[in-house]
């Protein structure tokens, strides 16, 4: 089996806080949760359940989550 590779991403403070809260609630590491989230995204993307629609903002491509999230649940 191939050794796992480290990849870093930038998260907003709000998303980082949500990751910390979920990991604490489920009693798992943030790293395990983040790896699961990436695998979950990739699986759903491959199944055609995720659409990526990059838009240009300030000369850079940006991806937005196309769903409303309740701020009170984070």
PDB file of N, CA and C in Angstrom:
ATOM      1  N   UNK A   1       0.842  -1.187   0.000  1.00  0.00           N
ATOM      2  CA  UNK A   1       0.000   0.000   0.000  1.00  0.00           C
ATOM      3  C   UNK A   1       0.888   1.252   0.000  1.00  0.00           C
ATOM      4  N   UNK A   2       0.520   2.212  -0.803  1.00  0.00           N
ATOM      5  CA  UNK A   2       1.288   3.449  -0.900  1.00  0.00           C
ATOM      6  C   UNK A   2       1.141   4.273   0.381  1.00  0.00           C
ATOM      7  N   UNK A   3       2.242   4.862   0.807  1.00  0.00           N
ATOM      8  CA  UNK A   3       2.237   5.717   1.993  1.00  0.00           C
ATOM      9  C   UNK A   3       1.429   6.982   1.710  1.00  0.00           C
ATOM     10  N   UNK A   4       0.644   7.410   2.683  1.00  0.00           N
ATOM     11  CA  UNK A   4      -0.166   8.623   2.548  1.00  0.00           C
ATOM     12  C   UNK A   4       0.732   9.839   2.407  1.00  0.00           C
ATOM     13  N   UNK A   5       0.297  10.817   1.642  1.00  0.00           N
ATOM     14  CA  UNK A   5       1.029  12.062   1.425  1.00  0.00           C
ATOM     15  C   UNK A   5       0.327  13.204   2.156  1.00  0.00           C
ATOM     16  N   UNK A   6       1.090  14.081   2.733  1.00  0.00           N
ATOM     17  CA  UNK A   6       0.542  15.248   3.410  1.00  0.00           C
ATOM     18  C   UNK A   6       0.192  16.319   2.388  1.00  0.00           C
ATOM     19  N   UNK A   7      -1.009  16.880   2.535  1.00  0.00           N
ATOM     20  CA  UNK A   7      -1.480  17.980   1.697  1.00  0.00           C
ATOM     21  C   UNK A   7      -2.079  19.020   2.643  1.00  0.00           C
ATOM     22  N   UNK A   8      -1.789  20.268   2.413  1.00  0.00           N
ATOM     23  CA  UNK A   8      -2.376  21.293   3.276  1.00  0.00           C
ATOM     24  C   UNK A   8      -3.361  22.139   2.478  1.00  0.00           C
ATOM     25  N   UNK A   9      -4.344  22.647   3.174  1.00  0.00           N
ATOM     26  CA  UNK A   9      -5.334  23.535   2.565  1.00  0.00           C
ATOM     27  C   UNK A   9      -5.556  24.719   3.493  1.00  0.00           C
ATOM     28  N   UNK A  10      -5.980  25.830   2.925  1.00  0.00           N
ATOM     29  CA  UNK A  10      -6.346  26.994   3.712  1.00  0.00           C
ATOM     30  C   UNK A  10      -7.841  26.942   3.991  1.00  0.00           C
ATOM     31  N   UNK A  11      -8.196  27.108   5.245  1.00  0.00           N
ATOM     32  CA  UNK A  11      -9.597  27.145   5.654  1.00  0.00           C
ATOM     33  C   UNK A  11      -9.879  28.474   6.331  1.00  0.00           C
ATOM     34  N   UNK A  12     -11.100  28.969   6.148  1.00  0.00           N
ATOM     35  CA  UNK A  12     -11.500  30.162   6.885  1.00  0.00           C
ATOM     36  C   UNK A  12     -11.544  29.804   8.366  1.00  0.00           C
ATOM     37  N   UNK A  13     -11.473  30.794   9.216  1.00  0.00           N
ATOM     38  CA  UNK A  13     -11.525  30.520  10.657  1.00  0.00           C
ATOM     39  C   UNK A  13     -12.855  29.850  11.020  1.00  0.00           C
ATOM     40  N   UNK A  14     -13.912  30.197  10.327  1.00  0.00           N
ATOM     41  CA  UNK A  14     -15.224  29.594  10.568  1.00  0.00           C
ATOM     42  C   UNK A  14     -15.205  28.096  10.218  1.00  0.00           C
ATOM     43  N   UNK A  15     -14.609  27.743   9.067  1.00  0.00           N
ATOM     44  CA  UNK A  15     -14.529  26.345   8.673  1.00  0.00           C
ATOM     45  C   UNK A  15     -13.594  25.564   9.595  1.00  0.00           C
ATOM     46  N   UNK A  16     -12.490  26.171  10.003  1.00  0.00           N
ATOM     47  CA  UNK A  16     -11.551  25.529  10.923  1.00  0.00           C
ATOM     48  C   UNK A  16     -12.231  25.244  12.253  1.00  0.00           C
ATOM     49  N   UNK A  17     -13.018  26.195  12.732  1.00  0.00           N
ATOM     50  CA  UNK A  17     -13.745  26.012  13.986  1.00  0.00           C
ATOM     51  C   UNK A  17     -14.750  24.868  13.845  1.00  0.00           C
ATOM     52  N   UNK A  18     -15.452  24.813  12.720  1.00  0.00           N
ATOM     53  CA  UNK A  18     -16.414  23.732  12.492  1.00  0.00           C
ATOM     54  C   UNK A  18     -15.712  22.372  12.483  1.00  0.00           C
ATOM     55  N   UNK A  19     -14.564  22.297  11.827  1.00  0.00           N
ATOM     56  CA  UNK A  19     -13.788  21.059  11.782  1.00  0.00           C
ATOM     57  C   UNK A  19     -13.387  20.636  13.196  1.00  0.00           C
ATOM     58  N   UNK A  20     -12.920  21.579  13.986  1.00  0.00           N
ATOM     59  CA  UNK A  20     -12.523  21.287  15.367  1.00  0.00           C
ATOM     60  C   UNK A  20     -13.711  20.794  16.189  1.00  0.00           C
ATOM     61  N   UNK A  21     -14.855  21.440  16.042  1.00  0.00           N
ATOM     62  CA  UNK A  21     -16.041  21.061  16.809  1.00  0.00           C
ATOM     63  C   UNK A  21     -16.533  19.659  16.444  1.00  0.00           C
ATOM     64  N   UNK A  22     -16.568  19.357  15.151  1.00  0.00           N
ATOM     65  CA  UNK A  22     -17.031  18.037  14.713  1.00  0.00           C
ATOM     66  C   UNK A  22     -16.068  16.959  15.204  1.00  0.00           C
ATOM     67  N   UNK A  23     -14.776  17.195  15.062  1.00  0.00           N
ATOM     68  CA  UNK A  23     -13.777  16.218  15.503  1.00  0.00           C
ATOM     69  C   UNK A  23     -13.894  15.971  17.005  1.00  0.00           C
ATOM     70  N   UNK A  24     -14.053  17.034  17.767  1.00  0.00           N
ATOM     71  CA  UNK A  24     -14.196  16.897  19.222  1.00  0.00           C
ATOM     72  C   UNK A  24     -15.471  16.123  19.560  1.00  0.00           C
ATOM     73  N   UNK A  25     -16.579  16.485  18.896  1.00  0.00           N
ATOM     74  CA  UNK A  25     -17.871  15.829  19.144  1.00  0.00           C
ATOM     75  C   UNK A  25     -17.812  14.335  18.831  1.00  0.00           C
ATOM     76  N   UNK A  26     -17.130  13.971  17.757  1.00  0.00           N
ATOM     77  CA  UNK A  26     -17.062  12.567  17.318  1.00  0.00           C
ATOM     78  C   UNK A  26     -15.870  11.818  17.905  1.00  0.00           C
ATOM     79  N   UNK A  27     -15.051  12.560  18.691  1.00  0.00           N
ATOM     80  CA  UNK A  27     -13.880  11.981  19.342  1.00  0.00           C
ATOM     81  C   UNK A  27     -12.911  11.354  18.333  1.00  0.00           C
ATOM     82  N   UNK A  28     -12.633  12.110  17.283  1.00  0.00           N
ATOM     83  CA  UNK A  28     -11.658  11.703  16.265  1.00  0.00           C
ATOM     84  C   UNK A  28     -10.714  12.872  16.014  1.00  0.00           C
ATOM     85  N   UNK A  29      -9.598  12.598  15.369  1.00  0.00           N
ATOM     86  CA  UNK A  29      -8.644  13.675  15.097  1.00  0.00           C
ATOM     87  C   UNK A  29      -9.148  14.544  13.942  1.00  0.00           C
ATOM     88  N   UNK A  30      -8.720  15.790  13.948  1.00  0.00           N
ATOM     89  CA  UNK A  30      -9.067  16.695  12.851  1.00  0.00           C
ATOM     90  C   UNK A  30      -8.483  16.178  11.548  1.00  0.00           C
ATOM     91  N   UNK A  31      -7.295  15.599  11.609  1.00  0.00           N
ATOM     92  CA  UNK A  31      -6.651  15.063  10.416  1.00  0.00           C
ATOM     93  C   UNK A  31      -7.483  13.922   9.818  1.00  0.00           C
ATOM     94  N   UNK A  32      -7.990  13.027  10.674  1.00  0.00           N
ATOM     95  CA  UNK A  32      -8.824  11.926  10.197  1.00  0.00           C
ATOM     96  C   UNK A  32     -10.111  12.460   9.563  1.00  0.00           C
ATOM     97  N   UNK A  33     -10.712  13.447  10.203  1.00  0.00           N
ATOM     98  CA  UNK A  33     -11.941  14.035   9.678  1.00  0.00           C
ATOM     99  C   UNK A  33     -11.694  14.726   8.342  1.00  0.00           C
ATOM    100  N   UNK A  34     -10.601  15.468   8.236  1.00  0.00           N
ATOM    101  CA  UNK A  34     -10.292  16.165   6.983  1.00  0.00           C
ATOM    102  C   UNK A  34     -10.025  15.161   5.858  1.00  0.00           C
ATOM    103  N   UNK A  35      -9.301  14.083   6.160  1.00  0.00           N
ATOM    104  CA  UNK A  35      -9.036  13.058   5.148  1.00  0.00           C
ATOM    105  C   UNK A  35     -10.343  12.407   4.702  1.00  0.00           C
ATOM    106  N   UNK A  36     -11.231  12.122   5.658  1.00  0.00           N
ATOM    107  CA  UNK A  36     -12.538  11.551   5.324  1.00  0.00           C
ATOM    108  C   UNK A  36     -13.325  12.512   4.432  1.00  0.00           C
ATOM    109  N   UNK A  37     -13.305  13.800   4.775  1.00  0.00           N
ATOM    110  CA  UNK A  37     -14.054  14.793   4.003  1.00  0.00           C
ATOM    111  C   UNK A  37     -13.571  14.843   2.557  1.00  0.00           C
ATOM    112  N   UNK A  38     -12.269  14.757   2.356  1.00  0.00           N
ATOM    113  CA  UNK A  38     -11.722  14.771   0.994  1.00  0.00           C
ATOM    114  C   UNK A  38     -12.143  13.509   0.250  1.00  0.00           C
ATOM    115  N   UNK A  39     -12.022  12.337   0.897  1.00  0.00           N
ATOM    116  CA  UNK A  39     -12.433  11.085   0.241  1.00  0.00           C
ATOM    117  C   UNK A  39     -13.925  11.104  -0.083  1.00  0.00           C
ATOM    118  N   UNK A  40     -14.742  11.644   0.815  1.00  0.00           N
ATOM    119  CA  UNK A  40     -16.189  11.737   0.616  1.00  0.00           C
ATOM    120  C   UNK A  40     -16.494  12.626  -0.599  1.00  0.00           C
ATOM    121  N   UNK A  41     -15.810  13.766  -0.681  1.00  0.00           N
ATOM    122  CA  UNK A  41     -15.975  14.665  -1.817  1.00  0.00           C
ATOM    123  C   UNK A  41     -15.585  13.973  -3.115  1.00  0.00           C
ATOM    124  N   UNK A  42     -14.412  13.328  -3.127  1.00  0.00           N
ATOM    125  CA  UNK A  42     -13.933  12.672  -4.343  1.00  0.00           C
ATOM    126  C   UNK A  42     -14.889  11.571  -4.807  1.00  0.00           C
ATOM    127  N   UNK A  43     -15.393  10.782  -3.875  1.00  0.00           N
ATOM    128  CA  UNK A  43     -16.337   9.713  -4.227  1.00  0.00           C
ATOM    129  C   UNK A  43     -17.601  10.305  -4.842  1.00  0.00           C
ATOM    130  N   UNK A  44     -18.134  11.360  -4.237  1.00  0.00           N
ATOM    131  CA  UNK A  44     -19.357  11.974  -4.758  1.00  0.00           C
ATOM    132  C   UNK A  44     -19.114  12.700  -6.071  1.00  0.00           C
ATOM    133  N   UNK A  45     -17.936  13.272  -6.249  1.00  0.00           N
ATOM    134  CA  UNK A  45     -17.588  13.910  -7.518  1.00  0.00           C
ATOM    135  C   UNK A  45     -17.557  12.860  -8.632  1.00  0.00           C
ATOM    136  N   UNK A  46     -16.917  11.735  -8.348  1.00  0.00           N
ATOM    137  CA  UNK A  46     -16.826  10.665  -9.343  1.00  0.00           C
ATOM    138  C   UNK A  46     -18.188  10.094  -9.691  1.00  0.00           C
ATOM    139  N   UNK A  47     -19.124  10.128  -8.742  1.00  0.00           N
ATOM    140  CA  UNK A  47     -20.484   9.651  -8.993  1.00  0.00           C
ATOM    141  C   UNK A  47     -21.355  10.696  -9.681  1.00  0.00           C
ATOM    142  N   UNK A  48     -20.802  11.875  -9.918  1.00  0.00           N
ATOM    143  CA  UNK A  48     -21.553  12.942 -10.578  1.00  0.00           C
ATOM    144  C   UNK A  48     -22.493  13.703  -9.663  1.00  0.00           C
ATOM    145  N   UNK A  49     -22.307  13.551  -8.352  1.00  0.00           N
ATOM    146  CA  UNK A  49     -23.179  14.221  -7.382  1.00  0.00           C
ATOM    147  C   UNK A  49     -22.678  15.601  -6.981  1.00  0.00           C
ATOM    148  N   UNK A  50     -21.490  15.960  -7.458  1.00  0.00           N
ATOM    149  CA  UNK A  50     -20.900  17.265  -7.139  1.00  0.00           C
ATOM    150  C   UNK A  50     -20.611  17.992  -8.442  1.00  0.00           C
ATOM    151  N   UNK A  51     -21.030  19.241  -8.512  1.00  0.00           N
ATOM    152  CA  UNK A  51     -20.750  20.080  -9.682  1.00  0.00           C
ATOM    153  C   UNK A  51     -19.783  21.181  -9.253  1.00  0.00           C
ATOM    154  N   UNK A  52     -18.744  21.351 -10.022  1.00  0.00           N
ATOM    155  CA  UNK A  52     -17.800  22.434  -9.762  1.00  0.00           C
ATOM    156  C   UNK A  52     -18.003  23.508 -10.814  1.00  0.00           C
ATOM    157  N   UNK A  53     -18.288  24.717 -10.367  1.00  0.00           N
ATOM    158  CA  UNK A  53     -18.522  25.841 -11.264  1.00  0.00           C
ATOM    159  C   UNK A  53     -17.621  27.005 -10.859  1.00  0.00           C
ATOM    160  N   UNK A  54     -16.353  26.959 -11.262  1.00  0.00           N
ATOM    161  CA  UNK A  54     -15.456  28.055 -10.885  1.00  0.00           C
ATOM    162  C   UNK A  54     -15.884  29.381 -11.510  1.00  0.00           C
ATOM    163  N   UNK A  55     -15.740  30.440 -10.747  1.00  0.00           N
ATOM    164  CA  UNK A  55     -16.015  31.794 -11.230  1.00  0.00           C
ATOM    165  C   UNK A  55     -14.746  32.620 -11.037  1.00  0.00           C
ATOM    166  N   UNK A  56     -14.595  33.631 -11.845  1.00  0.00           N
ATOM    167  CA  UNK A  56     -13.433  34.505 -11.728  1.00  0.00           C
ATOM    168  C   UNK A  56     -13.758  35.652 -10.769  1.00  0.00           C
ATOM    169  N   UNK A  57     -12.920  35.840  -9.779  1.00  0.00           N
ATOM    170  CA  UNK A  57     -13.054  36.938  -8.828  1.00  0.00           C
ATOM    171  C   UNK A  57     -11.669  37.536  -8.613  1.00  0.00           C
ATOM    172  N   UNK A  58     -11.522  38.782  -8.942  1.00  0.00           N
ATOM    173  CA  UNK A  58     -10.231  39.444  -8.779  1.00  0.00           C
ATOM    174  C   UNK A  58      -9.123  38.781  -9.579  1.00  0.00           C
ATOM    175  N   UNK A  59      -9.473  38.260 -10.738  1.00  0.00           N
ATOM    176  CA  UNK A  59      -8.482  37.637 -11.597  1.00  0.00           C
ATOM    177  C   UNK A  59      -8.113  36.211 -11.216  1.00  0.00           C
ATOM    178  N   UNK A  60      -8.816  35.628 -10.221  1.00  0.00           N
ATOM    179  CA  UNK A  60      -8.523  34.264  -9.781  1.00  0.00           C
ATOM    180  C   UNK A  60      -9.788  33.412  -9.841  1.00  0.00           C
ATOM    181  N   UNK A  61      -9.616  32.143 -10.159  1.00  0.00           N
ATOM    182  CA  UNK A  61     -10.740  31.210 -10.149  1.00  0.00           C
ATOM    183  C   UNK A  61     -11.102  30.895  -8.698  1.00  0.00           C
ATOM    184  N   UNK A  62     -12.398  30.930  -8.399  1.00  0.00           N
ATOM    185  CA  UNK A  62     -12.902  30.677  -7.049  1.00  0.00           C
ATOM    186  C   UNK A  62     -14.051  29.686  -7.149  1.00  0.00           C
ATOM    187  N   UNK A  63     -14.139  28.781  -6.170  1.00  0.00           N
ATOM    188  CA  UNK A  63     -15.268  27.847  -6.082  1.00  0.00           C
ATOM    189  C   UNK A  63     -16.087  28.195  -4.849  1.00  0.00           C
ATOM    190  N   UNK A  64     -17.390  28.301  -5.023  1.00  0.00           N
ATOM    191  CA  UNK A  64     -18.298  28.555  -3.909  1.00  0.00           C
ATOM    192  C   UNK A  64     -19.140  27.312  -3.664  1.00  0.00           C
ATOM    193  N   UNK A  65     -19.495  27.074  -2.407  1.00  0.00           N
ATOM    194  CA  UNK A  65     -20.418  25.992  -2.078  1.00  0.00           C
ATOM    195  C   UNK A  65     -21.808  26.477  -2.453  1.00  0.00           C
ATOM    196  N   UNK A  66     -22.471  25.733  -3.328  1.00  0.00           N
ATOM    197  CA  UNK A  66     -23.772  26.157  -3.825  1.00  0.00           C
ATOM    198  C   UNK A  66     -24.927  25.657  -2.979  1.00  0.00           C
ATOM    199  N   UNK A  67     -24.855  25.972  -1.670  1.00  0.00           N
ATOM    200  CA  UNK A  67     -25.961  25.662  -0.776  1.00  0.00           C
ATOM    201  C   UNK A  67     -25.896  26.599   0.413  1.00  0.00           C
ATOM    202  N   UNK A  68     -27.043  26.883   0.927  1.00  0.00           N
ATOM    203  CA  UNK A  68     -27.097  27.756   2.099  1.00  0.00           C
ATOM    204  C   UNK A  68     -26.751  26.952   3.338  1.00  0.00           C
ATOM    205  N   UNK A  69     -25.859  27.484   4.164  1.00  0.00           N
ATOM    206  CA  UNK A  69     -25.497  26.846   5.420  1.00  0.00           C
ATOM    207  C   UNK A  69     -25.977  27.706   6.565  1.00  0.00           C
ATOM    208  N   UNK A  70     -26.604  27.091   7.532  1.00  0.00           N
ATOM    209  CA  UNK A  70     -27.107  27.790   8.703  1.00  0.00           C
ATOM    210  C   UNK A  70     -25.940  28.150   9.611  1.00  0.00           C
ATOM    211  N   UNK A  71     -25.663  29.431   9.756  1.00  0.00           N
ATOM    212  CA  UNK A  71     -24.535  29.873  10.583  1.00  0.00           C
ATOM    213  C   UNK A  71     -24.681  29.454  12.040  1.00  0.00           C
ATOM    214  N   UNK A  72     -25.914  29.283  12.520  1.00  0.00           N
ATOM    215  CA  UNK A  72     -26.107  28.946  13.921  1.00  0.00           C
ATOM    216  C   UNK A  72     -25.691  27.520  14.247  1.00  0.00           C
ATOM    217  N   UNK A  73     -25.518  26.666  13.207  1.00  0.00           N
ATOM    218  CA  UNK A  73     -25.156  25.271  13.473  1.00  0.00           C
ATOM    219  C   UNK A  73     -23.662  25.062  13.447  1.00  0.00           C
ATOM    220  N   UNK A  74     -22.877  26.121  13.237  1.00  0.00           N
ATOM    221  CA  UNK A  74     -21.419  25.957  13.195  1.00  0.00           C
ATOM    222  C   UNK A  74     -20.787  26.432  14.465  1.00  0.00           C
TER     223      UNK A  74
END
